[in-house]
Amino acid sequence: MSTIHVANLSPAIHGDMLTSIFAHFGVIIDIRLISGQGPANYAFVEFGAEDLAEAAMSKDRQTMGTRCLELFQPQLQPQAVP
């Protein structure tokens, strides 16, 4: 999968900041910031290829501002068979 889940984001984070962190790994297709009722607290970053997402995982546990980023590769959900 070419998407990573980025958790433990600072309330001040925005898409351009995530782009600057992950763009050097390769082409970013999409960044989705997810929030509940306030600022985004996690995001999904989709890369152009699976190996780019795997390389970006090297940022796991690195500090961004005052927070330690937590990176995960989302698990595929099994599809129901009709």
Protein backbone atom coordinates (compact mmCIF):
# COMPACT_ATOMS: atom_id res chain seq x y z
CA MET A 1 0.00 0.00 0.00
CA SER A 2 1.34 3.44 -0.89
CA THR A 3 -0.36 5.27 2.00
CA ILE A 4 0.94 5.96 5.49
CA HIS A 5 -1.02 6.99 8.56
CA VAL A 6 0.61 9.83 10.50
CA ALA A 7 -0.58 10.17 14.11
CA ASN A 8 0.12 12.44 17.08
CA LEU A 9 0.12 15.63 15.02
CA SER A 10 0.44 19.06 16.59
CA PRO A 11 -2.76 21.15 16.48
CA ALA A 12 -0.82 23.70 14.41
CA ILE A 13 -0.05 21.25 11.58
CA HIS A 14 -1.26 21.87 8.04
CA GLY A 15 -0.87 20.10 4.71
CA ASP A 16 2.07 22.21 3.52
CA MET A 17 4.04 21.20 6.61
CA LEU A 18 3.41 17.52 5.94
CA THR A 19 4.38 18.02 2.30
CA SER A 20 7.69 19.57 3.35
CA ILE A 21 8.39 16.63 5.68
CA PHE A 22 7.58 13.85 3.21
CA ALA A 23 8.18 15.31 -0.30
CA HIS A 24 11.85 14.33 -0.40
CA PHE A 25 10.77 10.66 -0.36
CA GLY A 26 9.04 11.11 -3.73
CA VAL A 27 5.78 12.04 -5.37
CA ILE A 28 2.90 12.70 -2.98
CA ILE A 29 -0.50 12.01 -4.52
CA ASP A 30 -2.70 13.19 -1.64
CA ILE A 31 -2.62 14.34 1.97
CA ARG A 32 -5.80 14.00 4.04
CA LEU A 33 -5.84 15.72 7.43
CA ILE A 34 -8.43 14.13 9.73
CA SER A 35 -9.95 15.95 12.68
CA GLY A 36 -12.71 15.32 15.15
CA GLN A 37 -14.20 18.55 16.42
CA GLY A 38 -10.96 20.55 16.49
CA PRO A 39 -7.63 20.66 14.71
CA ALA A 40 -6.42 17.66 12.74
CA ASN A 41 -4.78 15.08 14.96
CA TYR A 42 -3.82 12.58 12.28
CA ALA A 43 -3.38 12.37 8.53
CA PHE A 44 -3.06 9.97 5.63
CA VAL A 45 -0.24 10.64 3.16
CA GLU A 46 -0.51 8.82 -0.17
CA PHE A 47 2.64 8.39 -2.24
CA GLY A 48 3.03 7.60 -5.93
CA ALA A 49 4.53 4.18 -5.20
CA GLU A 50 4.66 1.61 -2.43
CA ASP A 51 8.44 1.83 -1.99
CA LEU A 52 8.16 5.60 -1.36
CA ALA A 53 5.70 5.00 1.48
CA GLU A 54 8.02 2.37 2.94
CA ALA A 55 10.95 4.82 2.82
CA ALA A 56 8.82 7.51 4.51
CA MET A 57 8.29 5.17 7.45
CA SER A 58 11.82 6.14 8.51
CA LYS A 59 10.23 9.29 10.00
CA ASP A 60 8.46 7.15 12.63
CA ARG A 61 9.14 8.42 16.17
CA GLN A 62 10.89 11.57 14.92
CA THR A 63 10.02 14.87 16.56
CA MET A 64 8.00 17.49 14.72
CA GLY A 65 7.66 20.62 16.82
CA THR A 66 6.78 19.39 20.28
CA ARG A 67 5.33 16.05 19.17
CA CYS A 68 6.80 12.68 18.32
CA LEU A 69 5.27 11.50 15.01
CA GLU A 70 3.79 8.02 14.97
CA LEU A 71 3.66 6.41 11.52
CA PHE A 72 1.74 3.31 10.52
CA GLN A 73 0.96 1.55 7.30
CA PRO A 74 -2.83 1.17 7.19
CA GLN A 75 -4.10 -2.38 7.08
CA LEU A 76 -6.39 -3.35 4.24
CA GLN A 77 -9.88 -4.21 5.38
CA PRO A 78 -11.15 -7.53 4.05
CA GLN A 79 -13.97 -7.06 1.60
CA ALA A 80 -17.24 -8.85 2.20
CA VAL A 81 -18.07 -11.51 -0.34
CA PRO A 82 -21.60 -11.08 -1.72
